[in-house]
Amino acid sequence: MTDSDTPADAQQLRAEIEQTRAELGETVQELAAKTDVKARAKHAADDTAARVRQKLSDVRKQAGQATGAVAERASTARQQLADSDLPAPMRRPLPLAAIGAAVAAVFVVVFVVVRRRKA
């Protein structure tokens, strides 16, 4: 070895040492990040919250569209029913069904009361 080779080897060794230190530092940082359970859990929770917010936004949009479609269909059905030749009580089936349910409930109550008095 000559004197001119020695500094080059020393410089090369220093450069390799610096590169190895840098790689080791990166590896240590990666390992530290993997062992930081609290930070990883927070990151996972943040990711999940973002996905949930996106799904909620999508569901709200779909619900708004569905509400509009249902309202339009109901309006169309209401108009067709109003334009039909059916008698007035038949054009309003909900009150008729409610009255029928109330009458049935009265009969059930009367039946239960009569059966209990006999027993």
PDB file of N, CA and C in Angstrom:
ATOM      1  N   MET A   1       0.820  -1.177   0.000  1.00  0.00           N
ATOM      2  CA  MET A   1       0.000   0.000   0.000  1.00  0.00           C
ATOM      3  C   MET A   1       0.868   1.247   0.000  1.00  0.00           C
ATOM      4  N   THR A   2       0.415   2.205  -0.703  1.00  0.00           N
ATOM      5  CA  THR A   2       1.133   3.460  -0.751  1.00  0.00           C
ATOM      6  C   THR A   2       0.376   4.509   0.038  1.00  0.00           C
ATOM      7  N   ASP A   3       1.035   5.630   0.269  1.00  0.00           N
ATOM      8  CA  ASP A   3       0.398   6.702   1.034  1.00  0.00           C
ATOM      9  C   ASP A   3      -0.826   7.253   0.312  1.00  0.00           C
ATOM     10  N   SER A   4      -0.822   7.232  -1.001  1.00  0.00           N
ATOM     11  CA  SER A   4      -1.959   7.765  -1.749  1.00  0.00           C
ATOM     12  C   SER A   4      -3.174   6.842  -1.639  1.00  0.00           C
ATOM     13  N   ASP A   5      -2.968   5.529  -1.423  1.00  0.00           N
ATOM     14  CA  ASP A   5      -4.091   4.586  -1.281  1.00  0.00           C
ATOM     15  C   ASP A   5      -4.729   4.660   0.101  1.00  0.00           C
ATOM     16  N   THR A   6      -3.967   4.948   1.090  1.00  0.00           N
ATOM     17  CA  THR A   6      -4.465   4.932   2.454  1.00  0.00           C
ATOM     18  C   THR A   6      -5.567   5.974   2.677  1.00  0.00           C
ATOM     19  N   PRO A   7      -5.417   7.214   2.297  1.00  0.00           N
ATOM     20  CA  PRO A   7      -6.498   8.167   2.515  1.00  0.00           C
ATOM     21  C   PRO A   7      -7.764   7.792   1.742  1.00  0.00           C
ATOM     22  N   ALA A   8      -7.596   7.244   0.575  1.00  0.00           N
ATOM     23  CA  ALA A   8      -8.770   6.841  -0.195  1.00  0.00           C
ATOM     24  C   ALA A   8      -9.504   5.726   0.528  1.00  0.00           C
ATOM     25  N   ASP A   9      -8.761   4.776   1.074  1.00  0.00           N
ATOM     26  CA  ASP A   9      -9.386   3.695   1.832  1.00  0.00           C
ATOM     27  C   ASP A   9     -10.042   4.239   3.097  1.00  0.00           C
ATOM     28  N   ALA A  10      -9.402   5.176   3.754  1.00  0.00           N
ATOM     29  CA  ALA A  10      -9.970   5.766   4.971  1.00  0.00           C
ATOM     30  C   ALA A  10     -11.228   6.555   4.622  1.00  0.00           C
ATOM     31  N   GLN A  11     -11.173   7.289   3.523  1.00  0.00           N
ATOM     32  CA  GLN A  11     -12.358   8.036   3.104  1.00  0.00           C
ATOM     33  C   GLN A  11     -13.477   7.078   2.699  1.00  0.00           C
ATOM     34  N   GLN A  12     -13.095   6.019   2.030  1.00  0.00           N
ATOM     35  CA  GLN A  12     -14.098   5.028   1.626  1.00  0.00           C
ATOM     36  C   GLN A  12     -14.711   4.373   2.865  1.00  0.00           C
ATOM     37  N   LEU A  13     -13.870   4.041   3.837  1.00  0.00           N
ATOM     38  CA  LEU A  13     -14.378   3.458   5.080  1.00  0.00           C
ATOM     39  C   LEU A  13     -15.294   4.428   5.805  1.00  0.00           C
ATOM     40  N   ARG A  14     -14.916   5.703   5.870  1.00  0.00           N
ATOM     41  CA  ARG A  14     -15.773   6.704   6.523  1.00  0.00           C
ATOM     42  C   ARG A  14     -17.118   6.821   5.803  1.00  0.00           C
ATOM     43  N   ALA A  15     -17.072   6.819   4.478  1.00  0.00           N
ATOM     44  CA  ALA A  15     -18.311   6.917   3.703  1.00  0.00           C
ATOM     45  C   ALA A  15     -19.206   5.704   3.958  1.00  0.00           C
ATOM     46  N   GLU A  16     -18.580   4.524   3.997  1.00  0.00           N
ATOM     47  CA  GLU A  16     -19.356   3.305   4.286  1.00  0.00           C
ATOM     48  C   GLU A  16     -19.936   3.346   5.691  1.00  0.00           C
ATOM     49  N   ILE A  17     -19.150   3.842   6.635  1.00  0.00           N
ATOM     50  CA  ILE A  17     -19.623   3.948   8.023  1.00  0.00           C
ATOM     51  C   ILE A  17     -20.806   4.920   8.089  1.00  0.00           C
ATOM     52  N   GLU A  18     -20.723   6.045   7.423  1.00  0.00           N
ATOM     53  CA  GLU A  18     -21.808   7.022   7.419  1.00  0.00           C
ATOM     54  C   GLU A  18     -23.070   6.430   6.770  1.00  0.00           C
ATOM     55  N   GLN A  19     -22.875   5.705   5.674  1.00  0.00           N
ATOM     56  CA  GLN A  19     -24.012   5.074   5.002  1.00  0.00           C
ATOM     57  C   GLN A  19     -24.649   4.030   5.913  1.00  0.00           C
ATOM     58  N   THR A  20     -23.825   3.232   6.572  1.00  0.00           N
ATOM     59  CA  THR A  20     -24.327   2.211   7.495  1.00  0.00           C
ATOM     60  C   THR A  20     -25.065   2.865   8.653  1.00  0.00           C
ATOM     61  N   ARG A  21     -24.554   3.968   9.184  1.00  0.00           N
ATOM     62  CA  ARG A  21     -25.228   4.686  10.269  1.00  0.00           C
ATOM     63  C   ARG A  21     -26.592   5.208   9.819  1.00  0.00           C
ATOM     64  N   ALA A  22     -26.620   5.749   8.604  1.00  0.00           N
ATOM     65  CA  ALA A  22     -27.885   6.273   8.078  1.00  0.00           C
ATOM     66  C   ALA A  22     -28.909   5.149   7.922  1.00  0.00           C
ATOM     67  N   GLU A  23     -28.471   4.020   7.362  1.00  0.00           N
ATOM     68  CA  GLU A  23     -29.372   2.880   7.198  1.00  0.00           C
ATOM     69  C   GLU A  23     -29.838   2.345   8.545  1.00  0.00           C
ATOM     70  N   LEU A  24     -28.919   2.282   9.491  1.00  0.00           N
ATOM     71  CA  LEU A  24     -29.251   1.815  10.834  1.00  0.00           C
ATOM     72  C   LEU A  24     -30.251   2.765  11.501  1.00  0.00           C
ATOM     73  N   GLY A  25     -30.038   4.067  11.307  1.00  0.00           N
ATOM     74  CA  GLY A  25     -30.971   5.057  11.861  1.00  0.00           C
ATOM     75  C   GLY A  25     -32.375   4.890  11.292  1.00  0.00           C
ATOM     76  N   GLU A  26     -32.471   4.668   9.982  1.00  0.00           N
ATOM     77  CA  GLU A  26     -33.772   4.439   9.346  1.00  0.00           C
ATOM     78  C   GLU A  26     -34.426   3.172   9.880  1.00  0.00           C
ATOM     79  N   THR A  27     -33.622   2.122  10.038  1.00  0.00           N
ATOM     80  CA  THR A  27     -34.144   0.853  10.555  1.00  0.00           C
ATOM     81  C   THR A  27     -34.661   1.023  11.975  1.00  0.00           C
ATOM     82  N   VAL A  28     -33.927   1.755  12.792  1.00  0.00           N
ATOM     83  CA  VAL A  28     -34.352   1.999  14.177  1.00  0.00           C
ATOM     84  C   VAL A  28     -35.666   2.789  14.187  1.00  0.00           C
ATOM     85  N   GLN A  29     -35.775   3.777  13.323  1.00  0.00           N
ATOM     86  CA  GLN A  29     -37.010   4.565  13.252  1.00  0.00           C
ATOM     87  C   GLN A  29     -38.187   3.691  12.823  1.00  0.00           C
ATOM     88  N   GLU A  30     -37.968   2.819  11.856  1.00  0.00           N
ATOM     89  CA  GLU A  30     -39.036   1.922  11.406  1.00  0.00           C
ATOM     90  C   GLU A  30     -39.462   0.982  12.524  1.00  0.00           C
ATOM     91  N   LEU A  31     -38.497   0.430  13.247  1.00  0.00           N
ATOM     92  CA  LEU A  31     -38.814  -0.460  14.366  1.00  0.00           C
ATOM     93  C   LEU A  31     -39.543   0.287  15.483  1.00  0.00           C
ATOM     94  N   ALA A  32     -39.106   1.498  15.755  1.00  0.00           N
ATOM     95  CA  ALA A  32     -39.763   2.302  16.790  1.00  0.00           C
ATOM     96  C   ALA A  32     -41.212   2.589  16.385  1.00  0.00           C
ATOM     97  N   ALA A  33     -41.438   2.863  15.103  1.00  0.00           N
ATOM     98  CA  ALA A  33     -42.801   3.121  14.629  1.00  0.00           C
ATOM     99  C   ALA A  33     -43.667   1.870  14.768  1.00  0.00           C
ATOM    100  N   LYS A  34     -43.085   0.715  14.514  1.00  0.00           N
ATOM    101  CA  LYS A  34     -43.849  -0.531  14.632  1.00  0.00           C
ATOM    102  C   LYS A  34     -44.185  -0.860  16.079  1.00  0.00           C
ATOM    103  N   THR A  35     -43.330  -0.464  16.997  1.00  0.00           N
ATOM    104  CA  THR A  35     -43.578  -0.793  18.397  1.00  0.00           C
ATOM    105  C   THR A  35     -44.422   0.265  19.097  1.00  0.00           C
ATOM    106  N   ASP A  36     -44.681   1.388  18.457  1.00  0.00           N
ATOM    107  CA  ASP A  36     -45.514   2.438  19.047  1.00  0.00           C
ATOM    108  C   ASP A  36     -46.981   2.069  18.836  1.00  0.00           C
ATOM    109  N   VAL A  37     -47.497   1.269  19.742  1.00  0.00           N
ATOM    110  CA  VAL A  37     -48.856   0.731  19.619  1.00  0.00           C
ATOM    111  C   VAL A  37     -49.889   1.849  19.666  1.00  0.00           C
ATOM    112  N   LYS A  38     -49.680   2.821  20.531  1.00  0.00           N
ATOM    113  CA  LYS A  38     -50.641   3.912  20.676  1.00  0.00           C
ATOM    114  C   LYS A  38     -50.788   4.685  19.362  1.00  0.00           C
ATOM    115  N   ALA A  39     -49.673   5.005  18.724  1.00  0.00           N
ATOM    116  CA  ALA A  39     -49.715   5.744  17.457  1.00  0.00           C
ATOM    117  C   ALA A  39     -50.336   4.898  16.356  1.00  0.00           C
ATOM    118  N   ARG A  40     -49.990   3.608  16.339  1.00  0.00           N
ATOM    119  CA  ARG A  40     -50.571   2.733  15.317  1.00  0.00           C
ATOM    120  C   ARG A  40     -52.074   2.590  15.507  1.00  0.00           C
ATOM    121  N   ALA A  41     -52.516   2.480  16.761  1.00  0.00           N
ATOM    122  CA  ALA A  41     -53.953   2.366  17.040  1.00  0.00           C
ATOM    123  C   ALA A  41     -54.670   3.651  16.652  1.00  0.00           C
ATOM    124  N   LYS A  42     -54.067   4.794  16.946  1.00  0.00           N
ATOM    125  CA  LYS A  42     -54.673   6.072  16.573  1.00  0.00           C
ATOM    126  C   LYS A  42     -54.769   6.185  15.056  1.00  0.00           C
ATOM    127  N   HIS A  43     -53.714   5.792  14.376  1.00  0.00           N
ATOM    128  CA  HIS A  43     -53.728   5.842  12.912  1.00  0.00           C
ATOM    129  C   HIS A  43     -54.818   4.932  12.350  1.00  0.00           C
ATOM    130  N   ALA A  44     -54.945   3.727  12.901  1.00  0.00           N
ATOM    131  CA  ALA A  44     -55.985   2.800  12.443  1.00  0.00           C
ATOM    132  C   ALA A  44     -57.372   3.363  12.744  1.00  0.00           C
ATOM    133  N   ALA A  45     -57.538   3.973  13.909  1.00  0.00           N
ATOM    134  CA  ALA A  45     -58.830   4.564  14.260  1.00  0.00           C
ATOM    135  C   ALA A  45     -59.164   5.724  13.329  1.00  0.00           C
ATOM    136  N   ASP A  46     -58.177   6.533  13.001  1.00  0.00           N
ATOM    137  CA  ASP A  46     -58.394   7.645  12.073  1.00  0.00           C
ATOM    138  C   ASP A  46     -58.794   7.133  10.692  1.00  0.00           C
ATOM    139  N   ASP A  47     -58.122   6.075  10.227  1.00  0.00           N
ATOM    140  CA  ASP A  47     -58.470   5.482   8.932  1.00  0.00           C
ATOM    141  C   ASP A  47     -59.898   4.944   8.944  1.00  0.00           C
ATOM    142  N   THR A  48     -60.249   4.249  10.024  1.00  0.00           N
ATOM    143  CA  THR A  48     -61.595   3.689  10.135  1.00  0.00           C
ATOM    144  C   THR A  48     -62.632   4.797  10.191  1.00  0.00           C
ATOM    145  N   ALA A  49     -62.362   5.844  10.941  1.00  0.00           N
ATOM    146  CA  ALA A  49     -63.299   6.970  11.031  1.00  0.00           C
ATOM    147  C   ALA A  49     -63.493   7.625   9.666  1.00  0.00           C
ATOM    148  N   ALA A  50     -62.424   7.750   8.913  1.00  0.00           N
ATOM    149  CA  ALA A  50     -62.540   8.337   7.572  1.00  0.00           C
ATOM    150  C   ALA A  50     -63.393   7.457   6.663  1.00  0.00           C
ATOM    151  N   ARG A  51     -63.197   6.138   6.746  1.00  0.00           N
ATOM    152  CA  ARG A  51     -64.017   5.226   5.932  1.00  0.00           C
ATOM    153  C   ARG A  51     -65.487   5.297   6.345  1.00  0.00           C
ATOM    154  N   VAL A  52     -65.743   5.376   7.652  1.00  0.00           N
ATOM    155  CA  VAL A  52     -67.121   5.450   8.142  1.00  0.00           C
ATOM    156  C   VAL A  52     -67.774   6.751   7.679  1.00  0.00           C
ATOM    157  N   ARG A  53     -67.030   7.866   7.759  1.00  0.00           N
ATOM    158  CA  ARG A  53     -67.587   9.143   7.293  1.00  0.00           C
ATOM    159  C   ARG A  53     -67.920   9.074   5.805  1.00  0.00           C
ATOM    160  N   GLN A  54     -67.061   8.433   5.022  1.00  0.00           N
ATOM    161  CA  GLN A  54     -67.320   8.312   3.587  1.00  0.00           C
ATOM    162  C   GLN A  54     -68.562   7.462   3.340  1.00  0.00           C
ATOM    163  N   LYS A  55     -68.685   6.330   4.056  1.00  0.00           N
ATOM    164  CA  LYS A  55     -69.865   5.472   3.900  1.00  0.00           C
ATOM    165  C   LYS A  55     -71.125   6.229   4.302  1.00  0.00           C
ATOM    166  N   LEU A  56     -71.047   6.992   5.399  1.00  0.00           N
ATOM    167  CA  LEU A  56     -72.196   7.761   5.865  1.00  0.00           C
ATOM    168  C   LEU A  56     -72.611   8.778   4.818  1.00  0.00           C
ATOM    169  N   SER A  57     -71.645   9.413   4.220  1.00  0.00           N
ATOM    170  CA  SER A  57     -71.934  10.377   3.160  1.00  0.00           C
ATOM    171  C   SER A  57     -72.617   9.687   1.980  1.00  0.00           C
ATOM    172  N   ASP A  58     -72.113   8.517   1.606  1.00  0.00           N
ATOM    173  CA  ASP A  58     -72.722   7.764   0.506  1.00  0.00           C
ATOM    174  C   ASP A  58     -74.149   7.353   0.840  1.00  0.00           C
ATOM    175  N   VAL A  59     -74.361   6.889   2.069  1.00  0.00           N
ATOM    176  CA  VAL A  59     -75.694   6.451   2.484  1.00  0.00           C
ATOM    177  C   VAL A  59     -76.657   7.633   2.503  1.00  0.00           C
ATOM    178  N   ARG A  60     -76.197   8.782   2.990  1.00  0.00           N
ATOM    179  CA  ARG A  60     -77.059   9.979   2.998  1.00  0.00           C
ATOM    180  C   ARG A  60     -77.462  10.362   1.582  1.00  0.00           C
ATOM    181  N   LYS A  61     -76.490  10.285   0.674  1.00  0.00           N
ATOM    182  CA  LYS A  61     -76.785  10.637  -0.712  1.00  0.00           C
ATOM    183  C   LYS A  61     -77.816   9.662  -1.296  1.00  0.00           C
ATOM    184  N   GLN A  62     -77.622   8.356  -1.036  1.00  0.00           N
ATOM    185  CA  GLN A  62     -78.562   7.360  -1.540  1.00  0.00           C
ATOM    186  C   GLN A  62     -79.934   7.542  -0.901  1.00  0.00           C
ATOM    187  N   ALA A  63     -79.963   7.861   0.395  1.00  0.00           N
ATOM    188  CA  ALA A  63     -81.251   8.064   1.074  1.00  0.00           C
ATOM    189  C   ALA A  63     -81.972   9.271   0.488  1.00  0.00           C
ATOM    190  N   GLY A  64     -81.239  10.319   0.195  1.00  0.00           N
ATOM    191  CA  GLY A  64     -81.847  11.498  -0.422  1.00  0.00           C
ATOM    192  C   GLY A  64     -82.433  11.176  -1.784  1.00  0.00           C
ATOM    193  N   GLN A  65     -81.706  10.390  -2.556  1.00  0.00           N
ATOM    194  CA  GLN A  65     -82.207  10.001  -3.871  1.00  0.00           C
ATOM    195  C   GLN A  65     -83.443   9.114  -3.735  1.00  0.00           C
ATOM    196  N   ALA A  66     -83.384   8.173  -2.788  1.00  0.00           N
ATOM    197  CA  ALA A  66     -84.526   7.276  -2.587  1.00  0.00           C
ATOM    198  C   ALA A  66     -85.737   8.048  -2.091  1.00  0.00           C
ATOM    199  N   THR A  67     -85.522   9.017  -1.207  1.00  0.00           N
ATOM    200  CA  THR A  67     -86.622   9.818  -0.698  1.00  0.00           C
ATOM    201  C   THR A  67     -87.282  10.583  -1.829  1.00  0.00           C
ATOM    202  N   GLY A  68     -86.477  11.144  -2.687  1.00  0.00           N
ATOM    203  CA  GLY A  68     -87.027  11.862  -3.843  1.00  0.00           C
ATOM    204  C   GLY A  68     -87.835  10.945  -4.746  1.00  0.00           C
ATOM    205  N   ALA A  69     -87.314   9.746  -4.990  1.00  0.00           N
ATOM    206  CA  ALA A  69     -88.029   8.796  -5.852  1.00  0.00           C
ATOM    207  C   ALA A  69     -89.346   8.361  -5.219  1.00  0.00           C
ATOM    208  N   VAL A  70     -89.316   8.095  -3.910  1.00  0.00           N
ATOM    209  CA  VAL A  70     -90.540   7.669  -3.218  1.00  0.00           C
ATOM    210  C   VAL A  70     -91.556   8.798  -3.210  1.00  0.00           C
ATOM    211  N   ALA A  71     -91.108  10.015  -2.964  1.00  0.00           N
ATOM    212  CA  ALA A  71     -92.023  11.161  -2.958  1.00  0.00           C
ATOM    213  C   ALA A  71     -92.658  11.348  -4.336  1.00  0.00           C
ATOM    214  N   GLU A  72     -91.855  11.160  -5.353  1.00  0.00           N
ATOM    215  CA  GLU A  72     -92.392  11.301  -6.711  1.00  0.00           C
ATOM    216  C   GLU A  72     -93.427  10.217  -7.012  1.00  0.00           C
ATOM    217  N   ARG A  73     -93.115   8.991  -6.632  1.00  0.00           N
ATOM    218  CA  ARG A  73     -94.068   7.896  -6.856  1.00  0.00           C
ATOM    219  C   ARG A  73     -95.344   8.097  -6.046  1.00  0.00           C
ATOM    220  N   ALA A  74     -95.205   8.554  -4.813  1.00  0.00           N
ATOM    221  CA  ALA A  74     -96.382   8.789  -3.968  1.00  0.00           C
ATOM    222  C   ALA A  74     -97.235   9.898  -4.558  1.00  0.00           C
ATOM    223  N   SER A  75     -96.599  10.930  -5.047  1.00  0.00           N
ATOM    224  CA  SER A  75     -97.341  12.028  -5.663  1.00  0.00           C
ATOM    225  C   SER A  75     -98.090  11.550  -6.898  1.00  0.00           C
ATOM    226  N   THR A  76     -97.407  10.742  -7.698  1.00  0.00           N
ATOM    227  CA  THR A  76     -98.048  10.195  -8.897  1.00  0.00           C
ATOM    228  C   THR A  76     -99.220   9.292  -8.518  1.00  0.00           C
ATOM    229  N   ALA A  77     -99.020   8.429  -7.530  1.00  0.00           N
ATOM    230  CA  ALA A  77    -100.096   7.529  -7.100  1.00  0.00           C
ATOM    231  C   ALA A  77    -101.259   8.321  -6.518  1.00  0.00           C
ATOM    232  N   ARG A  78    -100.963   9.355  -5.733  1.00  0.00           N
ATOM    233  CA  ARG A  78    -102.013  10.188  -5.140  1.00  0.00           C
ATOM    234  C   ARG A  78    -102.823  10.879  -6.239  1.00  0.00           C
ATOM    235  N   GLN A  79    -102.119  11.376  -7.249  1.00  0.00           N
ATOM    236  CA  GLN A  79    -102.814  12.048  -8.349  1.00  0.00           C
ATOM    237  C   GLN A  79    -103.683  11.059  -9.128  1.00  0.00           C
ATOM    238  N   GLN A  80    -103.157   9.859  -9.372  1.00  0.00           N
ATOM    239  CA  GLN A  80    -103.943   8.848 -10.083  1.00  0.00           C
ATOM    240  C   GLN A  80    -105.165   8.448  -9.277  1.00  0.00           C
ATOM    241  N   LEU A  81    -105.015   8.328  -7.971  1.00  0.00           N
ATOM    242  CA  LEU A  81    -106.130   7.963  -7.108  1.00  0.00           C
ATOM    243  C   LEU A  81    -107.167   9.071  -7.075  1.00  0.00           C
ATOM    244  N   ALA A  82    -106.722  10.318  -7.049  1.00  0.00           N
ATOM    245  CA  ALA A  82    -107.655  11.443  -7.037  1.00  0.00           C
ATOM    246  C   ALA A  82    -108.406  11.524  -8.355  1.00  0.00           C
ATOM    247  N   ASP A  83    -107.756  11.160  -9.447  1.00  0.00           N
ATOM    248  CA  ASP A  83    -108.392  11.219 -10.764  1.00  0.00           C
ATOM    249  C   ASP A  83    -109.280  10.010 -11.054  1.00  0.00           C
ATOM    250  N   SER A  84    -109.242   8.997 -10.205  1.00  0.00           N
ATOM    251  CA  SER A  84    -110.010   7.775 -10.464  1.00  0.00           C
ATOM    252  C   SER A  84    -111.485   7.971 -10.103  1.00  0.00           C
ATOM    253  N   ASP A  85    -112.303   7.003 -10.490  1.00  0.00           N
ATOM    254  CA  ASP A  85    -113.740   7.070 -10.248  1.00  0.00           C
ATOM    255  C   ASP A  85    -114.146   6.330  -8.977  1.00  0.00           C
ATOM    256  N   LEU A  86    -113.211   6.032  -8.102  1.00  0.00           N
ATOM    257  CA  LEU A  86    -113.527   5.317  -6.871  1.00  0.00           C
ATOM    258  C   LEU A  86    -114.266   6.228  -5.898  1.00  0.00           C
ATOM    259  N   PRO A  87    -115.118   5.647  -5.043  1.00  0.00           N
ATOM    260  CA  PRO A  87    -115.780   6.469  -4.020  1.00  0.00           C
ATOM    261  C   PRO A  87    -114.739   7.028  -3.030  1.00  0.00           C
ATOM    262  N   ALA A  88    -115.092   8.092  -2.350  1.00  0.00           N
ATOM    263  CA  ALA A  88    -114.171   8.798  -1.450  1.00  0.00           C
ATOM    264  C   ALA A  88    -113.557   7.890  -0.388  1.00  0.00           C
ATOM    265  N   PRO A  89    -114.320   7.013   0.321  1.00  0.00           N
ATOM    266  CA  PRO A  89    -113.679   6.174   1.341  1.00  0.00           C
ATOM    267  C   PRO A  89    -112.635   5.224   0.758  1.00  0.00           C
ATOM    268  N   MET A  90    -112.833   4.792  -0.465  1.00  0.00           N
ATOM    269  CA  MET A  90    -111.876   3.873  -1.086  1.00  0.00           C
ATOM    270  C   MET A  90    -110.612   4.613  -1.526  1.00  0.00           C
ATOM    271  N   ARG A  91    -110.698   5.915  -1.740  1.00  0.00           N
ATOM    272  CA  ARG A  91    -109.536   6.692  -2.145  1.00  0.00           C
ATOM    273  C   ARG A  91    -108.617   6.974  -0.970  1.00  0.00           C
ATOM    274  N   ARG A  92    -109.113   6.787   0.249  1.00  0.00           N
ATOM    275  CA  ARG A  92    -108.300   7.003   1.447  1.00  0.00           C
ATOM    276  C   ARG A  92    -108.212   5.697   2.222  1.00  0.00           C
ATOM    277  N   PRO A  93    -107.369   4.744   1.796  1.00  0.00           N
ATOM    278  CA  PRO A  93    -107.330   3.429   2.438  1.00  0.00           C
ATOM    279  C   PRO A  93    -106.728   3.439   3.844  1.00  0.00           C
ATOM    280  N   LEU A  94    -105.880   4.376   4.160  1.00  0.00           N
ATOM    281  CA  LEU A  94    -105.258   4.382   5.484  1.00  0.00           C
ATOM    282  C   LEU A  94    -106.264   4.629   6.597  1.00  0.00           C
ATOM    283  N   PRO A  95    -107.127   5.622   6.531  1.00  0.00           N
ATOM    284  CA  PRO A  95    -108.119   5.801   7.595  1.00  0.00           C
ATOM    285  C   PRO A  95    -109.061   4.600   7.697  1.00  0.00           C
ATOM    286  N   LEU A  96    -109.401   4.009   6.563  1.00  0.00           N
ATOM    287  CA  LEU A  96    -110.271   2.843   6.568  1.00  0.00           C
ATOM    288  C   LEU A  96    -109.586   1.677   7.285  1.00  0.00           C
ATOM    289  N   ALA A  97    -108.313   1.485   7.036  1.00  0.00           N
ATOM    290  CA  ALA A  97    -107.565   0.421   7.699  1.00  0.00           C
ATOM    291  C   ALA A  97    -107.428   0.708   9.192  1.00  0.00           C
ATOM    292  N   ALA A  98    -107.233   1.961   9.563  1.00  0.00           N
ATOM    293  CA  ALA A  98    -107.117   2.320  10.975  1.00  0.00           C
ATOM    294  C   ALA A  98    -108.431   2.069  11.704  1.00  0.00           C
ATOM    295  N   ILE A  99    -109.533   2.389  11.082  1.00  0.00           N
ATOM    296  CA  ILE A  99    -110.844   2.132  11.695  1.00  0.00           C
ATOM    297  C   ILE A  99    -111.052   0.634  11.866  1.00  0.00           C
ATOM    298  N   GLY A 100    -110.682  -0.136  10.857  1.00  0.00           N
ATOM    299  CA  GLY A 100    -110.811  -1.592  10.946  1.00  0.00           C
ATOM    300  C   GLY A 100    -109.964  -2.161  12.068  1.00  0.00           C
ATOM    301  N   ALA A 101    -108.757  -1.661  12.223  1.00  0.00           N
ATOM    302  CA  ALA A 101    -107.872  -2.127  13.293  1.00  0.00           C
ATOM    303  C   ALA A 101    -108.442  -1.764  14.660  1.00  0.00           C
ATOM    304  N   ALA A 102    -109.023  -0.578  14.783  1.00  0.00           N
ATOM    305  CA  ALA A 102    -109.611  -0.158  16.056  1.00  0.00           C
ATOM    306  C   ALA A 102    -110.795  -1.034  16.420  1.00  0.00           C
ATOM    307  N   VAL A 103    -111.640  -1.352  15.435  1.00  0.00           N
ATOM    308  CA  VAL A 103    -112.800  -2.223  15.689  1.00  0.00           C
ATOM    309  C   VAL A 103    -112.325  -3.608  16.110  1.00  0.00           C
ATOM    310  N   ALA A 104    -111.302  -4.121  15.439  1.00  0.00           N
ATOM    311  CA  ALA A 104    -110.774  -5.439  15.800  1.00  0.00           C
ATOM    312  C   ALA A 104    -110.207  -5.414  17.217  1.00  0.00           C
ATOM    313  N   ALA A 105    -109.510  -4.336  17.594  1.00  0.00           N
ATOM    314  CA  ALA A 105    -108.958  -4.221  18.944  1.00  0.00           C
ATOM    315  C   ALA A 105    -110.066  -4.207  19.988  1.00  0.00           C
ATOM    316  N   VAL A 106    -111.171  -3.510  19.697  1.00  0.00           N
ATOM    317  CA  VAL A 106    -112.306  -3.471  20.638  1.00  0.00           C
ATOM    318  C   VAL A 106    -112.864  -4.872  20.813  1.00  0.00           C
ATOM    319  N   PHE A 107    -113.043  -5.595  19.736  1.00  0.00           N
ATOM    320  CA  PHE A 107    -113.566  -6.958  19.836  1.00  0.00           C
ATOM    321  C   PHE A 107    -112.638  -7.847  20.657  1.00  0.00           C
ATOM    322  N   VAL A 108    -111.329  -7.729  20.471  1.00  0.00           N
ATOM    323  CA  VAL A 108    -110.373  -8.538  21.227  1.00  0.00           C
ATOM    324  C   VAL A 108    -110.460  -8.203  22.712  1.00  0.00           C
ATOM    325  N   VAL A 109    -110.541  -6.925  23.053  1.00  0.00           N
ATOM    326  CA  VAL A 109    -110.634  -6.518  24.459  1.00  0.00           C
ATOM    327  C   VAL A 109    -111.913  -7.047  25.085  1.00  0.00           C
ATOM    328  N   VAL A 110    -113.022  -6.909  24.380  1.00  0.00           N
ATOM    329  CA  VAL A 110    -114.303  -7.417  24.900  1.00  0.00           C
ATOM    330  C   VAL A 110    -114.223  -8.924  25.089  1.00  0.00           C
ATOM    331  N   PHE A 111    -113.657  -9.629  24.155  1.00  0.00           N
ATOM    332  CA  PHE A 111    -113.541 -11.080  24.242  1.00  0.00           C
ATOM    333  C   PHE A 111    -112.699 -11.489  25.451  1.00  0.00           C
ATOM    334  N   VAL A 112    -111.574 -10.812  25.661  1.00  0.00           N
ATOM    335  CA  VAL A 112    -110.692 -11.132  26.790  1.00  0.00           C
ATOM    336  C   VAL A 112    -111.401 -10.847  28.113  1.00  0.00           C
ATOM    337  N   VAL A 113    -112.102  -9.723  28.213  1.00  0.00           N
ATOM    338  CA  VAL A 113    -112.796  -9.372  29.453  1.00  0.00           C
ATOM    339  C   VAL A 113    -113.887 -10.395  29.757  1.00  0.00           C
ATOM    340  N   VAL A 114    -114.674 -10.789  28.757  1.00  0.00           N
ATOM    341  CA  VAL A 114    -115.748 -11.767  28.961  1.00  0.00           C
ATOM    342  C   VAL A 114    -115.161 -13.105  29.382  1.00  0.00           C
ATOM    343  N   ARG A 115    -114.076 -13.540  28.767  1.00  0.00           N
ATOM    344  CA  ARG A 115    -113.458 -14.827  29.124  1.00  0.00           C
ATOM    345  C   ARG A 115    -112.924 -14.805  30.557  1.00  0.00           C
ATOM    346  N   ARG A 116    -112.355 -13.670  30.991  1.00  0.00           N
ATOM    347  CA  ARG A 116    -111.818 -13.588  32.352  1.00  0.00           C
ATOM    348  C   ARG A 116    -112.940 -13.604  33.391  1.00  0.00           C
ATOM    349  N   ARG A 117    -114.052 -13.005  33.075  1.00  0.00           N
ATOM    350  CA  ARG A 117    -115.153 -12.995  34.029  1.00  0.00           C
ATOM    351  C   ARG A 117    -115.763 -14.381  34.190  1.00  0.00           C
ATOM    352  N   LYS A 118    -115.763 -15.163  33.101  1.00  0.00           N
ATOM    353  CA  LYS A 118    -116.300 -16.523  33.160  1.00  0.00           C
ATOM    354  C   LYS A 118    -115.378 -17.422  33.968  1.00  0.00           C
ATOM    355  N   ALA A 119    -114.088 -17.147  33.932  1.00  0.00           N
ATOM    356  CA  ALA A 119    -113.137 -18.026  34.603  1.00  0.00           C
ATOM    357  C   ALA A 119    -113.058 -17.837  36.085  1.00  0.00           C
TER     358      ALA A 119
END
